[in-house]
Amino acid sequence: MSYFDTSFLIDYLQEAQYALEHLDRNPTMARTAGVPAPALYELYVGVARQRGIDAISDAIDALSWTTTVPLTEEATIEAAAIERELADNGQKIGSFDTLIAGVARSDDVALVTADTGFEHVPDLVVHNPRQ
């Protein structure tokens, strides 16, 4: 199983070649894909800003093959630990990215992302299909 970050999902919805090819090469990944709830929030905010609130239903339909992964108390504790670890190393990522990383790391699941900032998160398995 893998979790998908907002950056990858945006590219998928925009039919970026690398995103489509990545899923074609990894059919099992596509069948077992999870999306952390904070990533969906970021995605839906972007869709609403660019295309209007009604366009969110199109995004939901386009991602019907994924499963929403909730933001649990365990994940928020993990996110707080990540925030501290990054600060100790002089690093920082956005608050929602910290929550997304917390969900993935607390579940010990790889995060598929086009955002290189996640590579700074200790003990988080990151797959960047752009690289």
N, C-alpha and C. Protein backbone atom coordinates (compact mmCIF):
# COMPACT_ATOMS: atom_id res chain seq x y z
N MET A 1 0.84 -1.18 0.00
CA MET A 1 0.00 0.00 0.00
C MET A 1 0.88 1.24 0.00
N SER A 2 0.40 2.28 -0.62
CA SER A 2 1.05 3.59 -0.63
C SER A 2 0.01 4.66 -0.39
N TYR A 3 0.48 5.78 0.14
CA TYR A 3 -0.37 6.96 0.28
C TYR A 3 0.09 8.00 -0.73
N PHE A 4 -0.86 8.77 -1.23
CA PHE A 4 -0.56 9.79 -2.22
C PHE A 4 -0.70 11.17 -1.61
N ASP A 5 0.29 12.01 -1.92
CA ASP A 5 0.30 13.40 -1.47
C ASP A 5 -0.42 14.28 -2.48
N THR A 6 -0.76 15.47 -2.03
CA THR A 6 -1.47 16.45 -2.86
C THR A 6 -0.77 16.71 -4.18
N SER A 7 0.54 16.88 -4.14
CA SER A 7 1.27 17.24 -5.37
C SER A 7 1.10 16.18 -6.45
N PHE A 8 1.17 14.91 -6.07
CA PHE A 8 0.98 13.84 -7.05
C PHE A 8 -0.46 13.82 -7.55
N LEU A 9 -1.41 14.00 -6.65
CA LEU A 9 -2.82 13.97 -7.05
C LEU A 9 -3.17 15.11 -8.00
N ILE A 10 -2.63 16.29 -7.75
CA ILE A 10 -2.86 17.42 -8.66
C ILE A 10 -2.35 17.06 -10.05
N ASP A 11 -1.14 16.52 -10.10
CA ASP A 11 -0.57 16.15 -11.39
C ASP A 11 -1.38 15.04 -12.06
N TYR A 12 -1.87 14.09 -11.27
CA TYR A 12 -2.72 13.03 -11.82
C TYR A 12 -4.00 13.62 -12.41
N LEU A 13 -4.65 14.50 -11.68
CA LEU A 13 -5.89 15.10 -12.18
C LEU A 13 -5.65 15.96 -13.42
N GLN A 14 -4.45 16.52 -13.54
CA GLN A 14 -4.10 17.31 -14.72
C GLN A 14 -3.49 16.43 -15.82
N GLU A 15 -3.53 15.12 -15.59
CA GLU A 15 -3.07 14.12 -16.55
C GLU A 15 -1.60 14.29 -16.92
N ALA A 16 -0.79 14.63 -15.94
CA ALA A 16 0.66 14.71 -16.16
C ALA A 16 1.17 13.32 -16.55
N GLN A 17 1.98 13.28 -17.57
CA GLN A 17 2.43 12.00 -18.11
C GLN A 17 3.12 11.13 -17.07
N TYR A 18 4.01 11.73 -16.27
CA TYR A 18 4.73 10.92 -15.28
C TYR A 18 3.78 10.27 -14.29
N ALA A 19 2.72 10.97 -13.88
CA ALA A 19 1.77 10.43 -12.90
C ALA A 19 0.99 9.27 -13.49
N LEU A 20 0.51 9.43 -14.71
CA LEU A 20 -0.24 8.35 -15.36
C LEU A 20 0.65 7.14 -15.60
N GLU A 21 1.88 7.37 -16.05
CA GLU A 21 2.81 6.27 -16.29
C GLU A 21 3.17 5.56 -14.99
N HIS A 22 3.33 6.31 -13.92
CA HIS A 22 3.66 5.70 -12.63
C HIS A 22 2.56 4.73 -12.20
N LEU A 23 1.33 5.12 -12.35
CA LEU A 23 0.23 4.23 -11.97
C LEU A 23 0.11 3.05 -12.93
N ASP A 24 0.38 3.28 -14.21
CA ASP A 24 0.36 2.17 -15.18
C ASP A 24 1.42 1.13 -14.85
N ARG A 25 2.60 1.59 -14.42
CA ARG A 25 3.69 0.68 -14.08
C ARG A 25 3.48 -0.02 -12.73
N ASN A 26 2.60 0.51 -11.92
CA ASN A 26 2.37 -0.01 -10.56
C ASN A 26 0.88 -0.25 -10.33
N PRO A 27 0.28 -1.21 -11.03
CA PRO A 27 -1.17 -1.40 -10.91
C PRO A 27 -1.63 -1.79 -9.51
N THR A 28 -0.79 -2.51 -8.77
CA THR A 28 -1.16 -2.86 -7.40
C THR A 28 -1.25 -1.61 -6.54
N MET A 29 -0.34 -0.69 -6.76
CA MET A 29 -0.36 0.57 -6.01
C MET A 29 -1.67 1.31 -6.25
N ALA A 30 -2.10 1.33 -7.49
CA ALA A 30 -3.34 2.03 -7.82
C ALA A 30 -4.54 1.38 -7.16
N ARG A 31 -4.50 0.06 -7.00
CA ARG A 31 -5.64 -0.64 -6.39
C ARG A 31 -5.69 -0.49 -4.88
N THR A 32 -4.56 -0.16 -4.27
CA THR A 32 -4.50 -0.09 -2.80
C THR A 32 -4.12 1.30 -2.31
N ALA A 33 -4.40 2.30 -3.10
CA ALA A 33 -3.96 3.67 -2.79
C ALA A 33 -4.78 4.30 -1.68
N GLY A 34 -4.06 4.95 -0.79
CA GLY A 34 -4.70 5.74 0.25
C GLY A 34 -4.32 7.20 0.10
N VAL A 35 -5.20 8.07 0.55
CA VAL A 35 -4.93 9.51 0.52
C VAL A 35 -5.21 10.06 1.91
N PRO A 36 -4.17 10.56 2.59
CA PRO A 36 -4.40 11.17 3.91
C PRO A 36 -5.41 12.31 3.82
N ALA A 37 -6.31 12.39 4.77
CA ALA A 37 -7.35 13.42 4.77
C ALA A 37 -6.79 14.83 4.59
N PRO A 38 -5.66 15.18 5.22
CA PRO A 38 -5.14 16.54 4.98
C PRO A 38 -4.75 16.79 3.52
N ALA A 39 -4.32 15.76 2.81
CA ALA A 39 -3.99 15.92 1.39
C ALA A 39 -5.26 16.18 0.58
N LEU A 40 -6.33 15.50 0.94
CA LEU A 40 -7.60 15.76 0.25
C LEU A 40 -8.08 17.19 0.50
N TYR A 41 -7.93 17.65 1.72
CA TYR A 41 -8.31 19.03 2.03
C TYR A 41 -7.54 20.00 1.14
N GLU A 42 -6.22 19.84 1.08
CA GLU A 42 -5.41 20.73 0.24
C GLU A 42 -5.87 20.67 -1.22
N LEU A 43 -6.12 19.46 -1.70
CA LEU A 43 -6.55 19.28 -3.08
C LEU A 43 -7.89 19.97 -3.33
N TYR A 44 -8.85 19.74 -2.46
CA TYR A 44 -10.19 20.33 -2.65
C TYR A 44 -10.17 21.85 -2.56
N VAL A 45 -9.34 22.40 -1.68
CA VAL A 45 -9.20 23.86 -1.62
C VAL A 45 -8.69 24.39 -2.95
N GLY A 46 -7.68 23.74 -3.49
CA GLY A 46 -7.14 24.16 -4.78
C GLY A 46 -8.14 24.06 -5.91
N VAL A 47 -8.89 22.97 -5.94
CA VAL A 47 -9.91 22.78 -6.97
C VAL A 47 -10.98 23.87 -6.84
N ALA A 48 -11.43 24.12 -5.62
CA ALA A 48 -12.47 25.14 -5.41
C ALA A 48 -11.99 26.52 -5.83
N ARG A 49 -10.74 26.84 -5.53
CA ARG A 49 -10.20 28.15 -5.91
C ARG A 49 -10.08 28.30 -7.42
N GLN A 50 -9.65 27.24 -8.09
CA GLN A 50 -9.40 27.33 -9.53
C GLN A 50 -10.65 27.14 -10.37
N ARG A 51 -11.52 26.20 -9.95
CA ARG A 51 -12.65 25.86 -10.81
C ARG A 51 -14.02 25.99 -10.16
N GLY A 52 -14.04 26.38 -8.89
CA GLY A 52 -15.31 26.54 -8.20
C GLY A 52 -15.65 25.35 -7.34
N ILE A 53 -16.49 25.59 -6.36
CA ILE A 53 -16.83 24.56 -5.36
C ILE A 53 -17.48 23.34 -5.99
N ASP A 54 -18.26 23.53 -7.05
CA ASP A 54 -18.93 22.40 -7.69
C ASP A 54 -17.96 21.43 -8.35
N ALA A 55 -16.77 21.89 -8.68
CA ALA A 55 -15.77 21.04 -9.34
C ALA A 55 -15.17 20.01 -8.38
N ILE A 56 -15.38 20.19 -7.10
CA ILE A 56 -14.86 19.20 -6.14
C ILE A 56 -15.47 17.84 -6.41
N SER A 57 -16.73 17.78 -6.78
CA SER A 57 -17.35 16.48 -7.06
C SER A 57 -16.66 15.78 -8.23
N ASP A 58 -16.16 16.53 -9.20
CA ASP A 58 -15.41 15.92 -10.30
C ASP A 58 -14.11 15.30 -9.78
N ALA A 59 -13.45 16.00 -8.88
CA ALA A 59 -12.21 15.47 -8.30
C ALA A 59 -12.50 14.21 -7.49
N ILE A 60 -13.59 14.22 -6.74
CA ILE A 60 -13.97 13.04 -5.95
C ILE A 60 -14.20 11.86 -6.88
N ASP A 61 -14.92 12.08 -7.97
CA ASP A 61 -15.17 11.01 -8.94
C ASP A 61 -13.87 10.50 -9.56
N ALA A 62 -12.98 11.42 -9.92
CA ALA A 62 -11.72 11.04 -10.56
C ALA A 62 -10.81 10.24 -9.63
N LEU A 63 -10.99 10.41 -8.33
CA LEU A 63 -10.17 9.70 -7.35
C LEU A 63 -10.93 8.59 -6.63
N SER A 64 -12.00 8.12 -7.24
CA SER A 64 -12.83 7.10 -6.60
C SER A 64 -12.07 5.79 -6.36
N TRP A 65 -10.96 5.60 -7.02
CA TRP A 65 -10.14 4.40 -6.85
C TRP A 65 -9.27 4.46 -5.59
N THR A 66 -9.27 5.60 -4.90
CA THR A 66 -8.47 5.75 -3.69
C THR A 66 -9.34 5.61 -2.44
N THR A 67 -8.68 5.41 -1.32
CA THR A 67 -9.34 5.35 -0.02
C THR A 67 -8.84 6.50 0.84
N THR A 68 -9.75 7.20 1.48
CA THR A 68 -9.36 8.29 2.38
C THR A 68 -8.82 7.70 3.67
N VAL A 69 -7.65 8.20 4.08
CA VAL A 69 -7.02 7.75 5.33
C VAL A 69 -7.24 8.86 6.36
N PRO A 70 -7.92 8.55 7.46
CA PRO A 70 -8.25 9.60 8.43
C PRO A 70 -7.03 10.13 9.18
N LEU A 71 -7.18 11.32 9.67
CA LEU A 71 -6.18 11.94 10.55
C LEU A 71 -6.53 11.53 11.97
N THR A 72 -5.82 10.55 12.48
CA THR A 72 -6.09 10.01 13.81
C THR A 72 -5.26 10.73 14.87
N GLU A 73 -5.59 10.47 16.11
CA GLU A 73 -4.79 11.03 17.21
C GLU A 73 -3.34 10.56 17.11
N GLU A 74 -3.15 9.28 16.80
CA GLU A 74 -1.79 8.75 16.64
C GLU A 74 -1.03 9.50 15.55
N ALA A 75 -1.71 9.78 14.45
CA ALA A 75 -1.06 10.51 13.35
C ALA A 75 -0.71 11.94 13.75
N THR A 76 -1.57 12.58 14.54
CA THR A 76 -1.27 13.95 14.96
C THR A 76 -0.09 13.98 15.93
N ILE A 77 0.02 12.97 16.77
CA ILE A 77 1.17 12.86 17.66
C ILE A 77 2.44 12.65 16.83
N GLU A 78 2.34 11.80 15.83
CA GLU A 78 3.49 11.57 14.93
C GLU A 78 3.87 12.85 14.20
N ALA A 79 2.87 13.60 13.78
CA ALA A 79 3.13 14.88 13.09
C ALA A 79 3.84 15.86 14.01
N ALA A 80 3.44 15.89 15.27
CA ALA A 80 4.11 16.77 16.23
C ALA A 80 5.57 16.36 16.41
N ALA A 81 5.81 15.05 16.45
CA ALA A 81 7.19 14.55 16.55
C ALA A 81 7.99 14.94 15.31
N ILE A 82 7.37 14.84 14.14
CA ILE A 82 8.04 15.22 12.89
C ILE A 82 8.40 16.69 12.91
N GLU A 83 7.46 17.52 13.34
CA GLU A 83 7.72 18.97 13.42
C GLU A 83 8.95 19.24 14.29
N ARG A 84 9.02 18.56 15.42
CA ARG A 84 10.15 18.75 16.33
C ARG A 84 11.46 18.25 15.71
N GLU A 85 11.41 17.06 15.09
CA GLU A 85 12.61 16.50 14.46
C GLU A 85 13.14 17.42 13.36
N LEU A 86 12.24 17.93 12.56
CA LEU A 86 12.66 18.84 11.49
C LEU A 86 13.26 20.12 12.07
N ALA A 87 12.62 20.67 13.09
CA ALA A 87 13.14 21.89 13.72
C ALA A 87 14.52 21.65 14.30
N ASP A 88 14.71 20.50 14.93
CA ASP A 88 16.02 20.16 15.50
C ASP A 88 17.11 20.09 14.43
N ASN A 89 16.70 19.76 13.20
CA ASN A 89 17.64 19.65 12.08
C ASN A 89 17.67 20.91 11.22
N GLY A 90 16.99 21.98 11.68
CA GLY A 90 16.96 23.22 10.92
C GLY A 90 16.12 23.14 9.66
N GLN A 91 15.16 22.24 9.64
CA GLN A 91 14.29 22.04 8.48
C GLN A 91 12.86 22.43 8.84
N LYS A 92 12.06 22.67 7.82
CA LYS A 92 10.64 22.95 8.04
C LYS A 92 9.88 22.60 6.77
N ILE A 93 8.70 22.03 6.94
CA ILE A 93 7.77 21.85 5.84
C ILE A 93 6.44 22.46 6.29
N GLY A 94 5.52 22.62 5.39
CA GLY A 94 4.23 23.23 5.72
C GLY A 94 3.45 22.41 6.74
N SER A 95 2.54 23.07 7.43
CA SER A 95 1.76 22.39 8.47
C SER A 95 0.95 21.22 7.93
N PHE A 96 0.31 21.41 6.78
CA PHE A 96 -0.47 20.30 6.22
C PHE A 96 0.45 19.18 5.74
N ASP A 97 1.62 19.53 5.22
CA ASP A 97 2.58 18.49 4.83
C ASP A 97 3.05 17.71 6.06
N THR A 98 3.20 18.40 7.18
CA THR A 98 3.58 17.72 8.41
C THR A 98 2.49 16.73 8.83
N LEU A 99 1.23 17.13 8.70
CA LEU A 99 0.13 16.21 9.02
C LEU A 99 0.09 15.02 8.07
N ILE A 100 0.31 15.28 6.78
CA ILE A 100 0.33 14.20 5.78
C ILE A 100 1.46 13.22 6.11
N ALA A 101 2.63 13.75 6.41
CA ALA A 101 3.76 12.91 6.79
C ALA A 101 3.46 12.13 8.06
N GLY A 102 2.77 12.76 9.01
CA GLY A 102 2.40 12.08 10.24
C GLY A 102 1.48 10.90 10.00
N VAL A 103 0.53 11.06 9.09
CA VAL A 103 -0.38 9.95 8.74
C VAL A 103 0.43 8.81 8.14
N ALA A 104 1.28 9.12 7.17
CA ALA A 104 2.05 8.07 6.49
C ALA A 104 3.03 7.38 7.44
N ARG A 105 3.75 8.16 8.22
CA ARG A 105 4.75 7.56 9.10
C ARG A 105 4.10 6.77 10.23
N SER A 106 2.98 7.25 10.76
CA SER A 106 2.33 6.50 11.85
C SER A 106 1.79 5.17 11.36
N ASP A 107 1.42 5.10 10.08
CA ASP A 107 0.93 3.84 9.51
C ASP A 107 2.05 3.03 8.87
N ASP A 108 3.28 3.57 8.87
CA ASP A 108 4.44 2.92 8.26
C ASP A 108 4.17 2.58 6.79
N VAL A 109 3.69 3.60 6.07
CA VAL A 109 3.34 3.45 4.65
C VAL A 109 4.12 4.47 3.85
N ALA A 110 4.58 4.07 2.67
CA ALA A 110 5.33 4.97 1.79
C ALA A 110 4.42 6.07 1.27
N LEU A 111 5.01 7.25 1.08
CA LEU A 111 4.29 8.40 0.55
C LEU A 111 4.77 8.68 -0.87
N VAL A 112 3.84 8.67 -1.81
CA VAL A 112 4.14 9.00 -3.20
C VAL A 112 3.87 10.49 -3.37
N THR A 113 4.89 11.24 -3.77
CA THR A 113 4.79 12.68 -3.83
C THR A 113 5.74 13.25 -4.87
N ALA A 114 5.40 14.39 -5.39
CA ALA A 114 6.30 15.13 -6.27
C ALA A 114 6.94 16.29 -5.51
N ASP A 115 6.69 16.38 -4.23
CA ASP A 115 7.18 17.45 -3.37
C ASP A 115 8.46 16.98 -2.67
N THR A 116 9.58 17.58 -3.01
CA THR A 116 10.86 17.14 -2.46
C THR A 116 11.02 17.47 -0.97
N GLY A 117 10.18 18.31 -0.43
CA GLY A 117 10.27 18.65 0.99
C GLY A 117 10.10 17.45 1.91
N PHE A 118 9.34 16.46 1.48
CA PHE A 118 9.11 15.28 2.32
C PHE A 118 10.38 14.46 2.51
N GLU A 119 11.35 14.63 1.64
CA GLU A 119 12.60 13.88 1.75
C GLU A 119 13.37 14.25 3.01
N HIS A 120 13.04 15.36 3.63
CA HIS A 120 13.71 15.79 4.87
C HIS A 120 13.12 15.14 6.11
N VAL A 121 11.99 14.45 5.97
CA VAL A 121 11.32 13.85 7.14
C VAL A 121 12.02 12.54 7.50
N PRO A 122 12.60 12.47 8.69
CA PRO A 122 13.28 11.24 9.10
C PRO A 122 12.32 10.05 9.16
N ASP A 123 12.81 8.91 8.72
CA ASP A 123 12.08 7.64 8.82
C ASP A 123 10.77 7.62 8.03
N LEU A 124 10.63 8.49 7.05
CA LEU A 124 9.47 8.46 6.16
C LEU A 124 9.94 7.93 4.82
N VAL A 125 9.31 6.85 4.35
CA VAL A 125 9.65 6.31 3.04
C VAL A 125 8.93 7.15 2.00
N VAL A 126 9.71 7.76 1.10
CA VAL A 126 9.17 8.67 0.09
C VAL A 126 9.51 8.14 -1.29
N HIS A 127 8.51 8.11 -2.16
CA HIS A 127 8.71 7.77 -3.57
C HIS A 127 8.33 8.99 -4.39
N ASN A 128 9.30 9.53 -5.12
CA ASN A 128 9.04 10.67 -5.99
C ASN A 128 9.15 10.19 -7.43
N PRO A 129 8.03 9.93 -8.09
CA PRO A 129 8.08 9.40 -9.45
C PRO A 129 8.62 10.38 -10.48
N ARG A 130 8.80 11.63 -10.11
CA ARG A 130 9.41 12.60 -11.02
C ARG A 130 10.91 12.41 -11.13
N GLN A 131 11.50 11.77 -10.13
CA GLN A 131 12.97 11.62 -10.11
C GLN A 131 13.39 10.29 -10.69
